[in-house]
Amino acid sequence: MTDAMTGPAGALGKVAVLMGGSSAEREVSLMSGRGVLAALQAQGVDAQPFDPAERELGALRGEGCARAFIALHGRHGEDGTVQGALELLGIPYTGSGVMASAIAMDKVMTKRVWLAEGLPTPRWQWLAPDRQRRDDLNAVPDAIGLPLIVKPPREGSSIGISKVQGYSQMQAAVQLAAQYDADVLCEEFIDGIELTCPVLGEGAAAQALPVVRIDAPGGNYDFEHKYFSEDTGYRCPSGLAPDEEAEVQRLTLAAYRALGCRGWGRADLMLRAQDRRIFLLEMNTSPGMTGHSLVPMSARAAGLSYEQLCLQILQSARLDGQRV
């Protein structure tokens, strides 16, 4: 351990692994954080756990933390707020900066950016709090068709999501989503293959990792199937045709760069069965790092172990104003 601490890992200084937090994804974040913490410590990094729900972030400076590995998910962890606090504290952190984190956390704003860049994403309708009356809801299927997906635009891990098959289900779906977010996003349902593609790096140097194909029971990749079920199947290599795999990676990199992401991230996409068109769903700027998570799975297929992945992400930590 002494030799490791004097090598590249030790040169990183004291590292706080931010985990837990106050979002609806707290338990998933704790699982991610414990995995990252163990991986960094195994490589000689002076890493310590830090839960912002239990301690003030200002304590990081007092404890001499040189870097922060953000293993938080959801609000106050993935939405630019903790990134802004770390900017003020002057502590370099992993993942995207303040603006990119805030935009990517908001699926409505993400879609607006992607559409402006000519990137494909399912048709959608945004329902502000004053547009969630019954008459407003009935107009949504008329505009984007059935079935459709209803979700809170600023949550992750499939929390608060419903698949709506008919007009009569709209109100309950919107009410569920509104429990997590005042705004509600209604999105065209894409029938096909669910895919995800991680990215490491920044700008022109960013690289897309191998695509992962997700085979969830009944096509229902919900919270349970993401983190706890053993019934969900994953394919990496994806089994896609080489040109389709390359196109998924190309779109993922374009989407990542359009949002200004850095460090690492993961795009979720759909490959429509009827015409093999690819659609971008969302960008995750602080992806899961649990035993069921997809970035480590893809990294392994690229020859990168979980421990190596964590160290590489940590080494990319920086502040918004710092040069690459």
C-alpha atoms as a PDB file:
ATOM      1  CA  MET A   1       0.000   0.000   0.000  1.00  0.00           C
ATOM      2  CA  THR A   2       2.861   2.381   0.767  1.00  0.00           C
ATOM      3  CA  ASP A   3       4.284   2.015  -2.743  1.00  0.00           C
ATOM      4  CA  ALA A   4       0.846   2.663  -4.253  1.00  0.00           C
ATOM      5  CA  MET A   5       0.400   5.788  -2.166  1.00  0.00           C
ATOM      6  CA  THR A   6       3.643   7.243  -3.538  1.00  0.00           C
ATOM      7  CA  GLY A   7       2.664   6.452  -7.129  1.00  0.00           C
ATOM      8  CA  PRO A   8       0.031   7.986  -9.423  1.00  0.00           C
ATOM      9  CA  ALA A   9      -2.843   7.079  -7.105  1.00  0.00           C
ATOM     10  CA  GLY A  10      -1.221   8.740  -4.108  1.00  0.00           C
ATOM     11  CA  ALA A  11      -0.534  11.862  -6.163  1.00  0.00           C
ATOM     12  CA  LEU A  12      -4.296  12.399  -6.484  1.00  0.00           C
ATOM     13  CA  GLY A  13      -4.439  13.505  -2.849  1.00  0.00           C
ATOM     14  CA  LYS A  14      -7.304  12.961  -0.446  1.00  0.00           C
ATOM     15  CA  VAL A  15     -10.480  12.047  -2.315  1.00  0.00           C
ATOM     16  CA  ALA A  16     -14.059  12.342  -1.095  1.00  0.00           C
ATOM     17  CA  VAL A  17     -16.481   9.861  -2.661  1.00  0.00           C
ATOM     18  CA  LEU A  18     -19.811  11.673  -2.533  1.00  0.00           C
ATOM     19  CA  MET A  19     -22.636   9.189  -2.071  1.00  0.00           C
ATOM     20  CA  GLY A  20     -26.131   8.974  -0.658  1.00  0.00           C
ATOM     21  CA  GLY A  21     -27.584  12.463  -0.782  1.00  0.00           C
ATOM     22  CA  SER A  22     -31.222  13.434  -0.503  1.00  0.00           C
ATOM     23  CA  SER A  23     -32.721  12.416  -3.855  1.00  0.00           C
ATOM     24  CA  ALA A  24     -35.156   9.619  -4.606  1.00  0.00           C
ATOM     25  CA  GLU A  25     -32.129   7.653  -5.838  1.00  0.00           C
ATOM     26  CA  ARG A  26     -30.326   7.740  -2.479  1.00  0.00           C
ATOM     27  CA  GLU A  27     -30.153   3.964  -2.007  1.00  0.00           C
ATOM     28  CA  VAL A  28     -28.774   3.408  -5.507  1.00  0.00           C
ATOM     29  CA  SER A  29     -26.201   6.135  -4.904  1.00  0.00           C
ATOM     30  CA  LEU A  30     -25.047   4.431  -1.706  1.00  0.00           C
ATOM     31  CA  MET A  31     -24.532   1.197  -3.660  1.00  0.00           C
ATOM     32  CA  SER A  32     -22.586   3.046  -6.360  1.00  0.00           C
ATOM     33  CA  GLY A  33     -20.511   4.947  -3.835  1.00  0.00           C
ATOM     34  CA  ARG A  34     -19.509   1.882  -1.849  1.00  0.00           C
ATOM     35  CA  GLY A  35     -18.303   0.179  -5.024  1.00  0.00           C
ATOM     36  CA  VAL A  36     -16.294   3.214  -6.146  1.00  0.00           C
ATOM     37  CA  LEU A  37     -14.838   3.708  -2.671  1.00  0.00           C
ATOM     38  CA  ALA A  38     -13.628   0.117  -2.438  1.00  0.00           C
ATOM     39  CA  ALA A  39     -12.175   0.243  -5.962  1.00  0.00           C
ATOM     40  CA  LEU A  40     -10.210   3.429  -5.307  1.00  0.00           C
ATOM     41  CA  GLN A  41      -8.942   2.282  -1.933  1.00  0.00           C
ATOM     42  CA  ALA A  42      -7.809  -1.016  -3.465  1.00  0.00           C
ATOM     43  CA  GLN A  43      -5.571   0.997  -5.790  1.00  0.00           C
ATOM     44  CA  GLY A  44      -3.996   3.016  -3.005  1.00  0.00           C
ATOM     45  CA  VAL A  45      -6.111   6.152  -3.322  1.00  0.00           C
ATOM     46  CA  ASP A  46      -6.735   7.988  -0.045  1.00  0.00           C
ATOM     47  CA  ALA A  47     -10.498   7.868  -0.565  1.00  0.00           C
ATOM     48  CA  GLN A  48     -13.117   8.502   2.113  1.00  0.00           C
ATOM     49  CA  PRO A  49     -16.943   8.339   2.005  1.00  0.00           C
ATOM     50  CA  PHE A  50     -18.910  11.560   2.285  1.00  0.00           C
ATOM     51  CA  ASP A  51     -22.720  11.789   2.449  1.00  0.00           C
ATOM     52  CA  PRO A  52     -23.995  15.342   1.740  1.00  0.00           C
ATOM     53  CA  ALA A  53     -27.299  14.452   3.413  1.00  0.00           C
ATOM     54  CA  GLU A  54     -25.474  13.972   6.706  1.00  0.00           C
ATOM     55  CA  ARG A  55     -22.678  16.548   6.539  1.00  0.00           C
ATOM     56  CA  GLU A  56     -22.171  20.054   5.167  1.00  0.00           C
ATOM     57  CA  LEU A  57     -20.187  20.143   1.939  1.00  0.00           C
ATOM     58  CA  GLY A  58     -18.005  22.890   3.398  1.00  0.00           C
ATOM     59  CA  ALA A  59     -16.372  20.230   5.568  1.00  0.00           C
ATOM     60  CA  LEU A  60     -14.586  18.940   2.469  1.00  0.00           C
ATOM     61  CA  ARG A  61     -12.300  21.957   2.421  1.00  0.00           C
ATOM     62  CA  GLY A  62     -11.578  21.728   6.131  1.00  0.00           C
ATOM     63  CA  GLU A  63     -10.629  18.084   5.739  1.00  0.00           C
ATOM     64  CA  GLY A  64      -8.173  18.880   2.967  1.00  0.00           C
ATOM     65  CA  CYS A  65      -9.953  17.042   0.170  1.00  0.00           C
ATOM     66  CA  ALA A  66      -8.134  17.518  -3.122  1.00  0.00           C
ATOM     67  CA  ARG A  67     -10.767  15.893  -5.350  1.00  0.00           C
ATOM     68  CA  ALA A  68     -14.344  14.637  -5.236  1.00  0.00           C
ATOM     69  CA  PHE A  69     -15.695  11.570  -7.008  1.00  0.00           C
ATOM     70  CA  ILE A  70     -19.415  12.230  -7.485  1.00  0.00           C
ATOM     71  CA  ALA A  71     -21.335   8.985  -7.038  1.00  0.00           C
ATOM     72  CA  LEU A  72     -24.564  10.854  -6.317  1.00  0.00           C
ATOM     73  CA  HIS A  73     -27.593  10.304  -8.542  1.00  0.00           C
ATOM     74  CA  GLY A  74     -30.616  12.498  -9.159  1.00  0.00           C
ATOM     75  CA  ARG A  75     -31.351  15.863  -7.612  1.00  0.00           C
ATOM     76  CA  HIS A  76     -28.685  17.685  -5.648  1.00  0.00           C
ATOM     77  CA  GLY A  77     -26.097  15.334  -7.082  1.00  0.00           C
ATOM     78  CA  GLU A  78     -26.494  15.131 -10.829  1.00  0.00           C
ATOM     79  CA  ASP A  79     -28.272  18.410 -11.574  1.00  0.00           C
ATOM     80  CA  GLY A  80     -25.490  20.987 -11.270  1.00  0.00           C
ATOM     81  CA  THR A  81     -26.138  21.971  -7.661  1.00  0.00           C
ATOM     82  CA  VAL A  82     -23.379  19.968  -5.980  1.00  0.00           C
ATOM     83  CA  GLN A  83     -21.136  20.784  -8.934  1.00  0.00           C
ATOM     84  CA  GLY A  84     -21.709  24.494  -8.271  1.00  0.00           C
ATOM     85  CA  ALA A  85     -20.929  24.054  -4.580  1.00  0.00           C
ATOM     86  CA  LEU A  86     -17.675  22.266  -5.424  1.00  0.00           C
ATOM     87  CA  GLU A  87     -16.799  25.062  -7.845  1.00  0.00           C
ATOM     88  CA  LEU A  88     -17.164  27.575  -4.994  1.00  0.00           C
ATOM     89  CA  LEU A  89     -15.071  25.379  -2.718  1.00  0.00           C
ATOM     90  CA  GLY A  90     -12.415  25.023  -5.400  1.00  0.00           C
ATOM     91  CA  ILE A  91     -12.473  21.223  -5.254  1.00  0.00           C
ATOM     92  CA  PRO A  92     -12.128  19.475  -8.663  1.00  0.00           C
ATOM     93  CA  TYR A  93     -14.844  16.878  -9.250  1.00  0.00           C
ATOM     94  CA  THR A  94     -15.649  14.052 -11.622  1.00  0.00           C
ATOM     95  CA  GLY A  95     -18.167  14.258 -14.405  1.00  0.00           C
ATOM     96  CA  SER A  96     -19.803  17.148 -16.195  1.00  0.00           C
ATOM     97  CA  GLY A  97     -19.719  20.757 -15.079  1.00  0.00           C
ATOM     98  CA  VAL A  98     -22.518  22.928 -13.747  1.00  0.00           C
ATOM     99  CA  MET A  99     -24.299  23.794 -16.990  1.00  0.00           C
ATOM    100  CA  ALA A 100     -24.044  20.399 -18.685  1.00  0.00           C
ATOM    101  CA  SER A 101     -25.177  18.632 -15.501  1.00  0.00           C
ATOM    102  CA  ALA A 102     -28.186  20.925 -15.112  1.00  0.00           C
ATOM    103  CA  ILE A 103     -29.274  20.569 -18.737  1.00  0.00           C
ATOM    104  CA  ALA A 104     -28.789  16.805 -18.913  1.00  0.00           C
ATOM    105  CA  MET A 105     -30.760  16.295 -15.695  1.00  0.00           C
ATOM    106  CA  ASP A 106     -33.741  18.061 -17.297  1.00  0.00           C
ATOM    107  CA  LYS A 107     -35.035  15.803 -20.080  1.00  0.00           C
ATOM    108  CA  VAL A 108     -37.080  18.653 -21.593  1.00  0.00           C
ATOM    109  CA  MET A 109     -34.070  20.948 -21.887  1.00  0.00           C
ATOM    110  CA  THR A 110     -31.984  18.036 -23.177  1.00  0.00           C
ATOM    111  CA  LYS A 111     -34.493  17.422 -25.958  1.00  0.00           C
ATOM    112  CA  ARG A 112     -34.483  21.098 -26.906  1.00  0.00           C
ATOM    113  CA  VAL A 113     -30.704  21.080 -27.278  1.00  0.00           C
ATOM    114  CA  TRP A 114     -30.691  17.833 -29.231  1.00  0.00           C
ATOM    115  CA  LEU A 115     -33.425  18.994 -31.589  1.00  0.00           C
ATOM    116  CA  ALA A 116     -31.527  22.246 -32.194  1.00  0.00           C
ATOM    117  CA  GLU A 117     -28.528  20.097 -33.157  1.00  0.00           C
ATOM    118  CA  GLY A 118     -30.612  17.902 -35.473  1.00  0.00           C
ATOM    119  CA  LEU A 119     -30.309  14.805 -33.260  1.00  0.00           C
ATOM    120  CA  PRO A 120     -33.156  12.250 -33.195  1.00  0.00           C
ATOM    121  CA  THR A 121     -35.317  11.970 -30.088  1.00  0.00           C
ATOM    122  CA  PRO A 122     -38.922  10.723 -29.673  1.00  0.00           C
ATOM    123  CA  ARG A 123     -41.770  13.202 -30.108  1.00  0.00           C
ATOM    124  CA  TRP A 124     -42.849  14.761 -26.830  1.00  0.00           C
ATOM    125  CA  GLN A 125     -45.160  17.092 -24.973  1.00  0.00           C
ATOM    126  CA  TRP A 126     -44.257  19.087 -21.861  1.00  0.00           C
ATOM    127  CA  LEU A 127     -46.987  19.553 -19.265  1.00  0.00           C
ATOM    128  CA  ALA A 128     -46.332  22.439 -16.876  1.00  0.00           C
ATOM    129  CA  PRO A 129     -48.395  22.420 -13.639  1.00  0.00           C
ATOM    130  CA  ASP A 130     -51.094  24.603 -15.230  1.00  0.00           C
ATOM    131  CA  ARG A 131     -51.415  22.215 -18.194  1.00  0.00           C
ATOM    132  CA  GLN A 132     -52.325  19.058 -16.309  1.00  0.00           C
ATOM    133  CA  ARG A 133     -56.118  19.343 -16.399  1.00  0.00           C
ATOM    134  CA  ARG A 134     -58.158  16.547 -17.954  1.00  0.00           C
ATOM    135  CA  ASP A 135     -58.717  18.433 -21.231  1.00  0.00           C
ATOM    136  CA  ASP A 136     -54.974  19.067 -21.527  1.00  0.00           C
ATOM    137  CA  LEU A 137     -54.211  15.413 -20.915  1.00  0.00           C
ATOM    138  CA  ASN A 138     -56.600  14.139 -23.562  1.00  0.00           C
ATOM    139  CA  ALA A 139     -54.842  16.289 -26.156  1.00  0.00           C
ATOM    140  CA  VAL A 140     -51.486  14.566 -25.578  1.00  0.00           C
ATOM    141  CA  PRO A 141     -52.283  11.175 -27.187  1.00  0.00           C
ATOM    142  CA  ASP A 142     -53.841  13.062 -30.102  1.00  0.00           C
ATOM    143  CA  ALA A 143     -50.504  14.806 -30.658  1.00  0.00           C
ATOM    144  CA  ILE A 144     -47.972  12.000 -30.158  1.00  0.00           C
ATOM    145  CA  GLY A 145     -50.042   8.826 -30.405  1.00  0.00           C
ATOM    146  CA  LEU A 146     -50.506   5.755 -28.205  1.00  0.00           C
ATOM    147  CA  PRO A 147     -48.955   4.058 -26.421  1.00  0.00           C
ATOM    148  CA  LEU A 148     -46.836   6.761 -24.824  1.00  0.00           C
ATOM    149  CA  ILE A 149     -44.540   7.219 -21.843  1.00  0.00           C
ATOM    150  CA  VAL A 150     -45.196   9.620 -18.968  1.00  0.00           C
ATOM    151  CA  LYS A 151     -42.281  10.543 -16.718  1.00  0.00           C
ATOM    152  CA  PRO A 152     -40.951  13.239 -14.385  1.00  0.00           C
ATOM    153  CA  PRO A 153     -38.385  15.158 -16.451  1.00  0.00           C
ATOM    154  CA  ARG A 154     -35.891  15.622 -13.625  1.00  0.00           C
ATOM    155  CA  GLU A 155     -35.702  12.144 -12.076  1.00  0.00           C
ATOM    156  CA  GLY A 156     -33.728   9.056 -13.008  1.00  0.00           C
ATOM    157  CA  SER A 157     -33.654   5.293 -12.433  1.00  0.00           C
ATOM    158  CA  SER A 158     -37.109   4.954 -14.058  1.00  0.00           C
ATOM    159  CA  ILE A 159     -38.729   6.528 -10.986  1.00  0.00           C
ATOM    160  CA  GLY A 160     -42.290   7.775 -11.554  1.00  0.00           C
ATOM    161  CA  ILE A 161     -42.552   6.422 -15.107  1.00  0.00           C
ATOM    162  CA  SER A 162     -45.710   4.938 -16.634  1.00  0.00           C
ATOM    163  CA  LYS A 163     -46.564   3.429 -19.991  1.00  0.00           C
ATOM    164  CA  VAL A 164     -49.966   4.694 -21.102  1.00  0.00           C
ATOM    165  CA  GLN A 165     -52.023   2.472 -23.415  1.00  0.00           C
ATOM    166  CA  GLY A 166     -55.220   4.532 -23.530  1.00  0.00           C
ATOM    167  CA  TYR A 167     -56.743   7.933 -22.751  1.00  0.00           C
ATOM    168  CA  SER A 168     -58.227   6.678 -19.486  1.00  0.00           C
ATOM    169  CA  GLN A 169     -54.745   6.005 -18.068  1.00  0.00           C
ATOM    170  CA  MET A 170     -53.376   9.486 -18.644  1.00  0.00           C
ATOM    171  CA  GLN A 171     -54.565  11.101 -15.412  1.00  0.00           C
ATOM    172  CA  ALA A 172     -53.128   8.435 -13.099  1.00  0.00           C
ATOM    173  CA  ALA A 173     -49.823   8.460 -14.994  1.00  0.00           C
ATOM    174  CA  VAL A 174     -49.511  12.228 -14.790  1.00  0.00           C
ATOM    175  CA  GLN A 175     -50.423  12.212 -11.100  1.00  0.00           C
ATOM    176  CA  LEU A 176     -47.687   9.643 -10.425  1.00  0.00           C
ATOM    177  CA  ALA A 177     -45.041  11.632 -12.310  1.00  0.00           C
ATOM    178  CA  ALA A 178     -46.150  14.856 -10.598  1.00  0.00           C
ATOM    179  CA  GLN A 179     -45.335  13.307  -7.209  1.00  0.00           C
ATOM    180  CA  TYR A 180     -41.666  13.604  -8.196  1.00  0.00           C
ATOM    181  CA  ASP A 181     -41.671  16.730 -10.359  1.00  0.00           C
ATOM    182  CA  ALA A 182     -44.093  19.629 -10.817  1.00  0.00           C
ATOM    183  CA  ASP A 183     -43.551  19.362 -14.566  1.00  0.00           C
ATOM    184  CA  VAL A 184     -44.419  16.209 -16.504  1.00  0.00           C
ATOM    185  CA  LEU A 185     -42.917  14.891 -19.734  1.00  0.00           C
ATOM    186  CA  CYS A 186     -45.018  12.832 -22.137  1.00  0.00           C
ATOM    187  CA  GLU A 187     -42.995  11.006 -24.763  1.00  0.00           C
ATOM    188  CA  GLU A 188     -43.725   8.923 -27.841  1.00  0.00           C
ATOM    189  CA  PHE A 189     -43.260   5.210 -27.109  1.00  0.00           C
ATOM    190  CA  ILE A 190     -40.606   3.610 -29.296  1.00  0.00           C
ATOM    191  CA  ASP A 191     -41.184  -0.102 -29.796  1.00  0.00           C
ATOM    192  CA  GLY A 192     -37.871  -1.820 -30.261  1.00  0.00           C
ATOM    193  CA  ILE A 193     -34.519  -2.591 -28.672  1.00  0.00           C
ATOM    194  CA  GLU A 194     -33.323  -0.714 -25.614  1.00  0.00           C
ATOM    195  CA  LEU A 195     -29.661   0.286 -25.750  1.00  0.00           C
ATOM    196  CA  THR A 196     -27.165   2.222 -23.702  1.00  0.00           C
ATOM    197  CA  CYS A 197     -23.745   3.574 -24.631  1.00  0.00           C
ATOM    198  CA  PRO A 198     -21.183   5.001 -22.191  1.00  0.00           C
ATOM    199  CA  VAL A 199     -18.653   7.713 -23.001  1.00  0.00           C
ATOM    200  CA  LEU A 200     -15.294   8.541 -21.442  1.00  0.00           C
ATOM    201  CA  GLY A 201     -13.387  11.771 -21.991  1.00  0.00           C
ATOM    202  CA  GLU A 202     -14.149  15.222 -23.284  1.00  0.00           C
ATOM    203  CA  GLY A 203     -14.615  17.104 -26.517  1.00  0.00           C
ATOM    204  CA  ALA A 204     -12.870  15.737 -29.586  1.00  0.00           C
ATOM    205  CA  ALA A 205     -11.010  13.214 -27.407  1.00  0.00           C
ATOM    206  CA  ALA A 206     -14.209  11.673 -26.001  1.00  0.00           C
ATOM    207  CA  GLN A 207     -14.645   7.992 -26.838  1.00  0.00           C
ATOM    208  CA  ALA A 208     -17.779   5.874 -26.941  1.00  0.00           C
ATOM    209  CA  LEU A 209     -17.497   2.490 -25.233  1.00  0.00           C
ATOM    210  CA  PRO A 210     -19.184  -0.707 -26.510  1.00  0.00           C
ATOM    211  CA  VAL A 211     -22.979  -0.585 -26.748  1.00  0.00           C
ATOM    212  CA  VAL A 212     -25.019  -2.617 -24.249  1.00  0.00           C
ATOM    213  CA  ARG A 213     -28.324  -4.191 -25.271  1.00  0.00           C
ATOM    214  CA  ILE A 214     -30.923  -4.509 -22.508  1.00  0.00           C
ATOM    215  CA  ASP A 215     -33.466  -7.334 -22.532  1.00  0.00           C
ATOM    216  CA  ALA A 216     -35.874  -6.674 -19.663  1.00  0.00           C
ATOM    217  CA  PRO A 217     -38.813  -9.017 -18.965  1.00  0.00           C
ATOM    218  CA  GLY A 218     -41.768  -7.801 -21.009  1.00  0.00           C
ATOM    219  CA  GLY A 219     -39.701  -4.819 -22.135  1.00  0.00           C
ATOM    220  CA  ASN A 220     -40.197  -3.283 -18.685  1.00  0.00           C
ATOM    221  CA  TYR A 221     -36.828  -1.907 -17.595  1.00  0.00           C
ATOM    222  CA  ASP A 222     -38.082  -0.365 -14.350  1.00  0.00           C
ATOM    223  CA  PHE A 223     -36.340   0.394 -11.040  1.00  0.00           C
ATOM    224  CA  GLU A 224     -36.580  -3.212  -9.839  1.00  0.00           C
ATOM    225  CA  HIS A 225     -35.236  -4.660 -13.082  1.00  0.00           C
ATOM    226  CA  LYS A 226     -32.413  -2.090 -13.196  1.00  0.00           C
ATOM    227  CA  TYR A 227     -30.953  -2.702  -9.776  1.00  0.00           C
ATOM    228  CA  PHE A 228     -32.250  -5.857  -8.138  1.00  0.00           C
ATOM    229  CA  SER A 229     -33.705  -8.368 -10.585  1.00  0.00           C
ATOM    230  CA  GLU A 230     -31.652 -11.210 -11.990  1.00  0.00           C
ATOM    231  CA  ASP A 231     -34.173 -11.660 -14.814  1.00  0.00           C
ATOM    232  CA  THR A 232     -32.931  -8.735 -16.905  1.00  0.00           C
ATOM    233  CA  GLY A 233     -30.580  -9.770 -19.700  1.00  0.00           C
ATOM    234  CA  TYR A 234     -27.660  -7.691 -20.938  1.00  0.00           C
ATOM    235  CA  ARG A 235     -25.669  -8.204 -24.112  1.00  0.00           C
ATOM    236  CA  CYS A 236     -22.245  -6.686 -24.513  1.00  0.00           C
ATOM    237  CA  PRO A 237     -21.190  -7.076 -27.279  1.00  0.00           C
ATOM    238  CA  SER A 238     -24.663  -5.919 -28.234  1.00  0.00           C
ATOM    239  CA  GLY A 239     -25.144  -8.231 -31.207  1.00  0.00           C
ATOM    240  CA  LEU A 240     -26.086  -5.282 -33.423  1.00  0.00           C
ATOM    241  CA  ALA A 241     -24.831  -5.118 -36.973  1.00  0.00           C
ATOM    242  CA  PRO A 242     -21.473  -3.294 -37.084  1.00  0.00           C
ATOM    243  CA  ASP A 243     -22.957  -0.295 -38.898  1.00  0.00           C
ATOM    244  CA  GLU A 244     -25.759  -0.005 -36.307  1.00  0.00           C
ATOM    245  CA  GLU A 245     -23.301  -0.228 -33.397  1.00  0.00           C
ATOM    246  CA  ALA A 246     -21.193   2.486 -35.027  1.00  0.00           C
ATOM    247  CA  GLU A 247     -24.246   4.700 -35.543  1.00  0.00           C
ATOM    248  CA  VAL A 248     -25.312   4.333 -31.897  1.00  0.00           C
ATOM    249  CA  GLN A 249     -21.809   5.355 -30.828  1.00  0.00           C
ATOM    250  CA  ARG A 250     -21.767   8.284 -33.266  1.00  0.00           C
ATOM    251  CA  LEU A 251     -25.105   9.621 -32.038  1.00  0.00           C
ATOM    252  CA  THR A 252     -24.060   9.134 -28.425  1.00  0.00           C
ATOM    253  CA  LEU A 253     -20.888  11.166 -28.917  1.00  0.00           C
ATOM    254  CA  ALA A 254     -22.801  13.890 -30.767  1.00  0.00           C
ATOM    255  CA  ALA A 255     -25.395  14.036 -27.990  1.00  0.00           C
ATOM    256  CA  TYR A 256     -22.701  14.116 -25.287  1.00  0.00           C
ATOM    257  CA  ARG A 257     -20.768  16.904 -26.979  1.00  0.00           C
ATOM    258  CA  ALA A 258     -23.914  18.920 -27.756  1.00  0.00           C
ATOM    259  CA  LEU A 259     -24.708  19.082 -24.038  1.00  0.00           C
ATOM    260  CA  GLY A 260     -21.119  19.989 -23.152  1.00  0.00           C
ATOM    261  CA  CYS A 261     -20.565  16.862 -21.078  1.00  0.00           C
ATOM    262  CA  ARG A 262     -17.149  15.831 -19.840  1.00  0.00           C
ATOM    263  CA  GLY A 263     -15.387  13.120 -17.851  1.00  0.00           C
ATOM    264  CA  TRP A 264     -17.900  10.369 -18.374  1.00  0.00           C
ATOM    265  CA  GLY A 265     -21.556   9.756 -19.102  1.00  0.00           C
ATOM    266  CA  ARG A 266     -24.023   7.289 -20.567  1.00  0.00           C
ATOM    267  CA  ALA A 267     -26.686   7.761 -23.220  1.00  0.00           C
ATOM    268  CA  ASP A 268     -29.876   5.713 -23.262  1.00  0.00           C
ATOM    269  CA  LEU A 269     -31.318   5.018 -26.700  1.00  0.00           C
ATOM    270  CA  MET A 270     -33.961   3.004 -28.553  1.00  0.00           C
ATOM    271  CA  LEU A 271     -33.586   1.169 -31.849  1.00  0.00           C
ATOM    272  CA  ARG A 272     -37.053   1.101 -33.420  1.00  0.00           C
ATOM    273  CA  ALA A 273     -37.976  -2.368 -34.630  1.00  0.00           C
ATOM    274  CA  GLN A 274     -40.029  -1.363 -37.663  1.00  0.00           C
ATOM    275  CA  ASP A 275     -37.368   0.695 -39.461  1.00  0.00           C
ATOM    276  CA  ARG A 276     -34.159   0.330 -37.354  1.00  0.00           C
ATOM    277  CA  ARG A 277     -34.092   4.069 -36.641  1.00  0.00           C
ATOM    278  CA  ILE A 278     -32.210   5.124 -33.508  1.00  0.00           C
ATOM    279  CA  PHE A 279     -33.625   7.596 -30.998  1.00  0.00           C
ATOM    280  CA  LEU A 280     -31.865   9.302 -28.086  1.00  0.00           C
ATOM    281  CA  LEU A 281     -33.799   9.163 -24.799  1.00  0.00           C
ATOM    282  CA  GLU A 282     -31.543  10.785 -22.214  1.00  0.00           C
ATOM    283  CA  MET A 283     -27.991  11.463 -21.068  1.00  0.00           C
ATOM    284  CA  ASN A 284     -26.815  10.370 -17.619  1.00  0.00           C
ATOM    285  CA  THR A 285     -23.934  12.493 -16.297  1.00  0.00           C
ATOM    286  CA  SER A 286     -23.421  10.494 -13.084  1.00  0.00           C
ATOM    287  CA  PRO A 287     -24.291   6.926 -14.109  1.00  0.00           C
ATOM    288  CA  GLY A 288     -24.754   4.035 -11.727  1.00  0.00           C
ATOM    289  CA  MET A 289     -21.725   2.070 -10.582  1.00  0.00           C
ATOM    290  CA  THR A 290     -23.509  -0.812  -8.832  1.00  0.00           C
ATOM    291  CA  GLY A 291     -23.175  -4.535  -9.486  1.00  0.00           C
ATOM    292  CA  HIS A 292     -25.978  -4.258 -12.068  1.00  0.00           C
ATOM    293  CA  SER A 293     -24.707  -1.036 -13.666  1.00  0.00           C
ATOM    294  CA  LEU A 294     -24.008  -0.717 -17.352  1.00  0.00           C
ATOM    295  CA  VAL A 295     -20.945   1.531 -17.589  1.00  0.00           C
ATOM    296  CA  PRO A 296     -18.714  -1.020 -15.786  1.00  0.00           C
ATOM    297  CA  MET A 297     -20.160  -3.780 -17.994  1.00  0.00           C
ATOM    298  CA  SER A 298     -19.316  -1.873 -21.165  1.00  0.00           C
ATOM    299  CA  ALA A 299     -15.892  -0.912 -19.843  1.00  0.00           C
ATOM    300  CA  ARG A 300     -15.079  -4.571 -19.174  1.00  0.00           C
ATOM    301  CA  ALA A 301     -15.913  -5.382 -22.791  1.00  0.00           C
ATOM    302  CA  ALA A 302     -13.406  -2.678 -23.777  1.00  0.00           C
ATOM    303  CA  GLY A 303     -10.728  -4.261 -21.554  1.00  0.00           C
ATOM    304  CA  LEU A 304     -11.099  -1.841 -18.638  1.00  0.00           C
ATOM    305  CA  SER A 305     -11.662  -3.297 -15.167  1.00  0.00           C
ATOM    306  CA  TYR A 306     -14.009  -1.684 -12.631  1.00  0.00           C
ATOM    307  CA  GLU A 307     -10.998  -0.483 -10.627  1.00  0.00           C
ATOM    308  CA  GLN A 308      -9.276   0.956 -13.701  1.00  0.00           C
ATOM    309  CA  LEU A 309     -12.514   2.652 -14.757  1.00  0.00           C
ATOM    310  CA  CYS A 310     -12.927   4.343 -11.364  1.00  0.00           C
ATOM    311  CA  LEU A 311      -9.326   5.547 -11.374  1.00  0.00           C
ATOM    312  CA  GLN A 312      -9.580   6.890 -14.930  1.00  0.00           C
ATOM    313  CA  ILE A 313     -12.759   8.810 -14.073  1.00  0.00           C
ATOM    314  CA  LEU A 314     -11.119  10.212 -10.927  1.00  0.00           C
ATOM    315  CA  GLN A 315      -8.066  11.347 -12.876  1.00  0.00           C
ATOM    316  CA  SER A 316     -10.359  13.393 -15.149  1.00  0.00           C
ATOM    317  CA  ALA A 317     -11.728  15.450 -12.230  1.00  0.00           C
ATOM    318  CA  ARG A 318     -11.528  19.194 -12.743  1.00  0.00           C
ATOM    319  CA  LEU A 319     -13.282  22.513 -12.251  1.00  0.00           C
ATOM    320  CA  ASP A 320     -15.220  24.268 -15.016  1.00  0.00           C
ATOM    321  CA  GLY A 321     -12.533  26.881 -15.583  1.00  0.00           C
ATOM    322  CA  GLN A 322      -9.600  24.480 -15.701  1.00  0.00           C
ATOM    323  CA  ARG A 323      -8.070  23.521 -19.025  1.00  0.00           C
ATOM    324  CA  VAL A 324      -8.142  19.899 -20.135  1.00  0.00           C
END
